[in-house]
C-alpha cells in the first residue's frame, strides 16, 4: 500500500482513517518503536502529517510514546484484540462447515477440543448414514483413542505428548487401539506428516473415522480443536480419498474463519 506526500494536509476524513490504519500496521510490523521521521518515511507521508495522526492515535490509546520520544502500539489495541479473540467462538464458527461436511459426505461430523488428557466433543452433526454412536456432545475420549483425539495428540509439544504416552497403562477399547509407546510415537509422526488421522475400529468395532486438526490465528503448530467424520468402515475407508478431500476442505474453512492463514494461500 503506497501513500503520496500531501504537504501536511489531510484531504478527507476517510483518507485520514486509511492513513491512521497504515501507521498502526507499520508500527505493528516494526521490531522496535519508531520515531516520527522514520515512520513518516515508511508510510510515505510528511512528518507533520504523521505527527498529527500519531497525536490523535495516542489520545485514543491506539499507540503510545516511549521515553525517548518514539512510538509503539498502545494498550487499547490489546483490549480490542482480546474482545475479538473472545468473539471467535469455535463452535459457532465451525457449525456451518460441519453441517456441509455431514451433508456432502453422508457421514456424522464431529468437533472436539482438548481438555487435559481427553478430547471432548462439543458438536455433532448427523449425516444420511447416521447411526448410534457412543460419541455424543459432551462425551470424551482419551487422546490416544479415535482419530479426532489422535489428531490433537499429534500436535502436542513433544514433552507433553511423551508424558501422556508414558503415563501408562493406556486404556484399550478394541484390539486395534494404539497403546504402546512405539506405536503412538510412530502414529504422531505419521499424522503430522500427512496432516490427518485415520481411526479404523480402534474405538468401536465396525466404525471408522477420518480426522484433521483445526487452527486459529495464533499458531500453525498448536490446534484449537479437531474435526472428524465417522461411519461404518466401508463408508469411510473404501471412500477414503473422497472423504479426505471433504474433511480437508471443512478443516481449512473453519481455520480460515478463526483467522488462520493456510500455508499455500497468498495474502490478499
Protein backbone atom coordinates (compact mmCIF):
# COMPACT_ATOMS: atom_id res chain seq x y z
CA UNK A 1 0.00 0.00 0.00
CA UNK A 2 1.56 3.31 -1.09
CA UNK A 3 0.80 6.84 0.05
CA UNK A 4 1.75 10.07 -1.68
CA UNK A 5 3.03 13.17 0.01
CA UNK A 6 0.30 15.77 0.73
CA UNK A 7 2.37 18.62 2.19
CA UNK A 8 0.81 18.02 5.57
CA UNK A 9 -2.84 18.38 4.55
CA UNK A 10 -5.50 15.68 5.04
CA UNK A 11 -7.83 15.64 2.03
CA UNK A 12 -10.81 13.84 3.57
CA UNK A 13 -11.87 12.09 6.82
CA UNK A 14 -11.81 8.73 5.01
CA UNK A 15 -8.23 9.33 3.90
CA UNK A 16 -7.22 10.13 7.47
CA UNK A 17 -8.65 6.80 8.65
CA UNK A 18 -6.80 5.00 5.89
CA UNK A 19 -3.53 6.70 6.83
CA UNK A 20 -4.02 6.09 10.56
CA UNK A 21 -4.64 2.40 9.85
CA UNK A 22 -1.49 2.19 7.78
CA UNK A 23 0.54 3.84 10.53
CA UNK A 24 -0.76 1.27 13.02
CA UNK A 25 0.13 -1.57 10.66
CA UNK A 26 3.66 -0.27 10.21
CA UNK A 27 4.10 0.14 13.97
CA UNK A 28 2.79 -3.41 14.46
CA UNK A 29 5.24 -4.83 11.95
CA UNK A 30 8.23 -2.93 13.35
CA UNK A 31 10.59 -4.75 15.70
CA UNK A 32 11.15 -1.61 17.78
CA UNK A 33 9.44 1.74 18.48
CA UNK A 34 9.79 4.20 15.62
CA UNK A 35 10.49 7.92 15.54
CA UNK A 36 8.28 10.32 13.62
CA UNK A 37 10.68 10.79 10.70
CA UNK A 38 11.34 7.07 10.28
CA UNK A 39 7.64 6.31 10.48
CA UNK A 40 6.81 9.10 8.03
CA UNK A 41 9.34 7.69 5.57
CA UNK A 42 7.83 4.19 5.81
CA UNK A 43 4.23 5.35 5.31
CA UNK A 44 5.22 7.94 2.69
CA UNK A 45 3.66 10.91 4.47
CA UNK A 46 5.14 14.20 5.60
CA UNK A 47 6.49 14.27 9.17
CA UNK A 48 3.97 16.96 10.17
CA UNK A 49 1.00 14.88 8.93
CA UNK A 50 2.40 11.77 10.57
CA UNK A 51 2.87 13.60 13.87
CA UNK A 52 -0.71 14.94 13.88
CA UNK A 53 -2.12 11.45 13.25
CA UNK A 54 0.10 9.99 15.96
CA UNK A 55 -1.11 12.54 18.50
CA UNK A 56 -4.72 11.58 17.80
CA UNK A 57 -3.90 7.87 17.98
CA UNK A 58 -2.14 8.36 21.29
CA UNK A 59 -5.06 10.39 22.69
CA UNK A 60 -7.28 7.36 21.99
CA UNK A 61 -4.83 4.79 23.31
CA UNK A 62 -4.09 3.17 19.96
CA UNK A 63 -0.41 4.00 20.22
CA UNK A 64 1.86 5.44 22.89
CA UNK A 65 5.08 7.39 23.10
CA UNK A 66 8.12 5.84 24.70
CA UNK A 67 10.55 7.64 26.98
CA UNK A 68 12.88 8.51 24.11
CA UNK A 69 10.07 10.07 22.05
CA UNK A 70 9.45 7.16 19.69
CA UNK A 71 6.09 5.49 19.10
CA UNK A 72 4.68 1.98 19.57
CA UNK A 73 1.26 0.33 19.64
CA UNK A 74 -0.96 1.14 22.62
CA UNK A 75 -2.94 -0.94 25.10
CA UNK A 76 -6.32 -0.09 23.56
CA UNK A 77 -5.44 -2.38 20.67
CA UNK A 78 -4.73 -5.18 23.13
CA UNK A 79 -8.10 -4.62 24.76
CA UNK A 80 -9.95 -4.62 21.45
CA UNK A 81 -7.98 -7.62 20.22
CA UNK A 82 -8.91 -9.58 23.32
CA UNK A 83 -12.57 -8.87 22.67
CA UNK A 84 -12.27 -10.01 19.06
CA UNK A 85 -10.49 -13.17 20.17
CA UNK A 86 -13.18 -13.88 22.75
CA UNK A 87 -15.75 -13.49 20.00
CA UNK A 88 -14.17 -16.17 17.84
CA UNK A 89 -16.42 -18.83 19.33
CA UNK A 90 -15.18 -22.12 17.97
CA UNK A 91 -18.47 -23.97 17.88
CA UNK A 92 -20.35 -21.10 16.24
CA UNK A 93 -17.67 -20.56 13.61
CA UNK A 94 -17.34 -24.28 12.86
CA UNK A 95 -21.01 -25.25 12.69
CA UNK A 96 -21.77 -24.17 9.06
CA UNK A 97 -18.78 -26.11 7.72
CA UNK A 98 -19.64 -29.13 9.89
CA UNK A 99 -23.20 -29.16 8.55
CA UNK A 100 -21.97 -29.06 4.96
CA UNK A 101 -19.45 -31.78 5.71
CA UNK A 102 -22.13 -34.08 7.11
CA UNK A 103 -24.41 -33.32 4.18
CA UNK A 104 -21.91 -33.92 1.37
CA UNK A 105 -20.18 -36.90 2.98
CA UNK A 106 -23.38 -38.55 4.33
CA UNK A 107 -21.34 -39.30 7.47
CA UNK A 108 -21.55 -37.99 11.03
CA UNK A 109 -19.33 -34.96 11.60
CA UNK A 110 -17.75 -34.10 14.95
CA UNK A 111 -15.92 -31.16 16.52
CA UNK A 112 -13.71 -31.70 19.56
CA UNK A 113 -11.36 -29.72 21.78
CA UNK A 114 -8.64 -30.90 24.12
CA UNK A 115 -9.15 -30.69 27.85
CA UNK A 116 -6.10 -32.05 29.66
CA UNK A 117 -5.75 -35.72 28.64
CA UNK A 118 -9.04 -36.02 26.76
CA UNK A 119 -10.75 -34.85 23.58
CA UNK A 120 -14.24 -33.53 24.38
CA UNK A 121 -16.92 -33.49 21.69
CA UNK A 122 -18.53 -30.04 21.56
CA UNK A 123 -20.60 -30.54 18.39
CA UNK A 124 -22.05 -33.43 16.38
CA UNK A 125 -23.97 -33.26 13.10
CA UNK A 126 -25.52 -36.47 11.77
CA UNK A 127 -25.34 -37.31 8.07
CA UNK A 128 -27.51 -39.61 5.98
CA UNK A 129 -25.69 -42.69 7.25
CA UNK A 130 -26.17 -41.67 10.86
CA UNK A 131 -26.44 -44.49 13.35
CA UNK A 132 -25.99 -44.95 17.06
CA UNK A 133 -22.51 -43.89 18.10
CA UNK A 134 -21.16 -43.74 21.63
CA UNK A 135 -19.64 -40.31 20.97
CA UNK A 136 -22.18 -37.60 21.75
CA UNK A 137 -21.92 -33.90 22.58
CA UNK A 138 -20.22 -33.65 25.95
CA UNK A 139 -18.67 -37.09 25.82
CA UNK A 140 -14.91 -37.54 25.61
CA UNK A 141 -12.19 -39.94 24.59
CA UNK A 142 -8.60 -40.23 25.81
CA UNK A 143 -6.07 -38.64 23.49
CA UNK A 144 -4.76 -41.97 22.19
CA UNK A 145 -8.13 -43.38 21.06
CA UNK A 146 -10.04 -42.33 17.95
CA UNK A 147 -8.97 -40.19 15.03
CA UNK A 148 -10.36 -36.96 16.45
CA UNK A 149 -8.32 -37.46 19.64
CA UNK A 150 -5.11 -38.59 17.97
CA UNK A 151 -5.25 -35.56 15.66
CA UNK A 152 -4.83 -33.49 18.83
CA UNK A 153 -2.22 -35.74 20.45
CA UNK A 154 -0.08 -35.49 17.32
CA UNK A 155 0.35 -31.74 17.77
CA UNK A 156 1.05 -31.65 21.48
CA UNK A 157 4.52 -30.36 22.39
CA UNK A 158 6.96 -33.25 22.47
CA UNK A 159 7.41 -33.32 26.23
CA UNK A 160 3.65 -33.22 26.88
CA UNK A 161 2.96 -35.96 24.35
CA UNK A 162 5.62 -38.28 25.72
CA UNK A 163 4.45 -37.60 29.25
CA UNK A 164 0.93 -38.65 28.27
CA UNK A 165 2.07 -41.71 26.33
CA UNK A 166 4.36 -42.90 29.14
CA UNK A 167 1.87 -42.46 31.97
CA UNK A 168 0.57 -45.97 31.17
CA UNK A 169 -1.18 -48.23 31.11
CA UNK A 170 -3.43 -46.70 28.48
CA UNK A 171 -6.96 -47.98 28.05
CA UNK A 172 -7.58 -50.37 25.16
CA UNK A 173 -11.08 -50.14 23.63
CA UNK A 174 -10.52 -52.85 20.99
CA UNK A 175 -7.58 -54.93 19.87
CA UNK A 176 -6.80 -52.16 17.37
CA UNK A 177 -6.39 -49.37 19.92
CA UNK A 178 -2.84 -47.99 19.92
CA UNK A 179 -1.49 -48.25 23.44
CA UNK A 180 2.26 -48.88 23.18
CA UNK A 181 4.81 -46.08 23.27
CA UNK A 182 6.39 -47.02 19.95
CA UNK A 183 3.03 -47.28 18.17
CA UNK A 184 1.82 -43.92 19.43
CA UNK A 185 5.08 -42.11 18.72
CA UNK A 186 5.04 -43.51 15.19
CA UNK A 187 1.38 -42.53 14.83
CA UNK A 188 2.15 -38.95 15.93
CA UNK A 189 4.87 -38.64 13.32
CA UNK A 190 2.66 -40.04 10.58
CA UNK A 191 -0.27 -37.76 11.40
CA UNK A 192 1.97 -34.70 11.33
CA UNK A 193 3.49 -35.86 8.05
CA UNK A 194 0.19 -36.40 6.20
CA UNK A 195 -1.95 -33.92 8.15
CA UNK A 196 -4.78 -36.26 9.14
CA UNK A 197 -5.60 -39.23 11.36
CA UNK A 198 -7.44 -42.43 10.46
CA UNK A 199 -9.35 -44.43 13.03
CA UNK A 200 -10.36 -47.92 11.95
CA UNK A 201 -12.19 -49.91 14.63
CA UNK A 202 -9.82 -48.68 17.34
CA UNK A 203 -12.71 -47.43 19.50
CA UNK A 204 -15.82 -49.22 18.20
CA UNK A 205 -15.89 -52.41 16.10
CA UNK A 206 -17.14 -51.78 12.58
CA UNK A 207 -16.67 -47.99 12.82
CA UNK A 208 -14.02 -45.86 11.13
CA UNK A 209 -13.26 -42.16 11.21
CA UNK A 210 -11.06 -39.64 9.47
CA UNK A 211 -9.94 -36.54 11.37
CA UNK A 212 -7.92 -33.36 10.94
CA UNK A 213 -6.76 -30.58 13.30
CA UNK A 214 -8.06 -27.02 13.02
CA UNK A 215 -6.04 -23.90 13.79
CA UNK A 216 -6.72 -20.27 14.61
CA UNK A 217 -4.79 -17.03 14.08
CA UNK A 218 -2.39 -17.66 16.95
CA UNK A 219 -0.41 -20.69 15.81
CA UNK A 220 0.06 -23.13 12.96
CA UNK A 221 1.56 -25.69 15.34
CA UNK A 222 -0.99 -25.85 18.15
CA UNK A 223 -4.53 -26.73 17.01
CA UNK A 224 -7.52 -25.28 18.83
CA UNK A 225 -9.51 -28.41 18.10
CA UNK A 226 -10.14 -31.14 15.57
CA UNK A 227 -12.92 -32.33 13.32
CA UNK A 228 -13.78 -35.77 12.01
CA UNK A 229 -16.34 -37.77 10.11
CA UNK A 230 -17.29 -41.23 11.29
CA UNK A 231 -19.35 -44.10 9.95
CA UNK A 232 -19.25 -47.74 9.01
CA UNK A 233 -15.84 -48.88 7.78
CA UNK A 234 -16.84 -49.24 4.10
CA UNK A 235 -18.34 -45.74 4.04
CA UNK A 236 -15.08 -44.21 5.31
CA UNK A 237 -12.17 -46.45 4.32
CA UNK A 238 -13.44 -47.51 0.89
CA UNK A 239 -14.15 -43.84 0.09
CA UNK A 240 -11.01 -42.52 1.75
CA UNK A 241 -9.79 -40.17 -0.99
CA UNK A 242 -13.20 -38.53 -1.44
CA UNK A 243 -13.84 -38.27 2.30
CA UNK A 244 -10.36 -36.93 2.99
CA UNK A 245 -10.88 -34.14 0.47
CA UNK A 246 -14.16 -33.16 2.12
CA UNK A 247 -12.68 -33.18 5.62
CA UNK A 248 -9.69 -31.14 4.49
CA UNK A 249 -11.96 -28.58 2.84
CA UNK A 250 -14.02 -28.25 6.03
CA UNK A 251 -10.95 -28.04 8.28
CA UNK A 252 -9.42 -25.30 6.14
CA UNK A 253 -12.70 -23.38 6.03
CA UNK A 254 -13.04 -23.47 9.82
CA UNK A 255 -9.39 -22.50 10.29
CA UNK A 256 -9.83 -19.52 7.97
CA UNK A 257 -12.93 -18.49 9.93
CA UNK A 258 -10.71 -18.44 13.02
CA UNK A 259 -8.15 -16.20 11.34
CA UNK A 260 -5.64 -18.87 10.32
CA UNK A 261 -3.84 -18.36 7.04
CA UNK A 262 -3.43 -21.56 5.05
CA UNK A 263 0.23 -22.07 4.13
CA UNK A 264 -0.16 -22.03 0.35
CA UNK A 265 -2.56 -19.08 0.27
CA UNK A 266 -1.21 -15.72 -0.75
CA UNK A 267 -2.10 -12.68 1.35
CA UNK A 268 -4.76 -10.51 -0.26
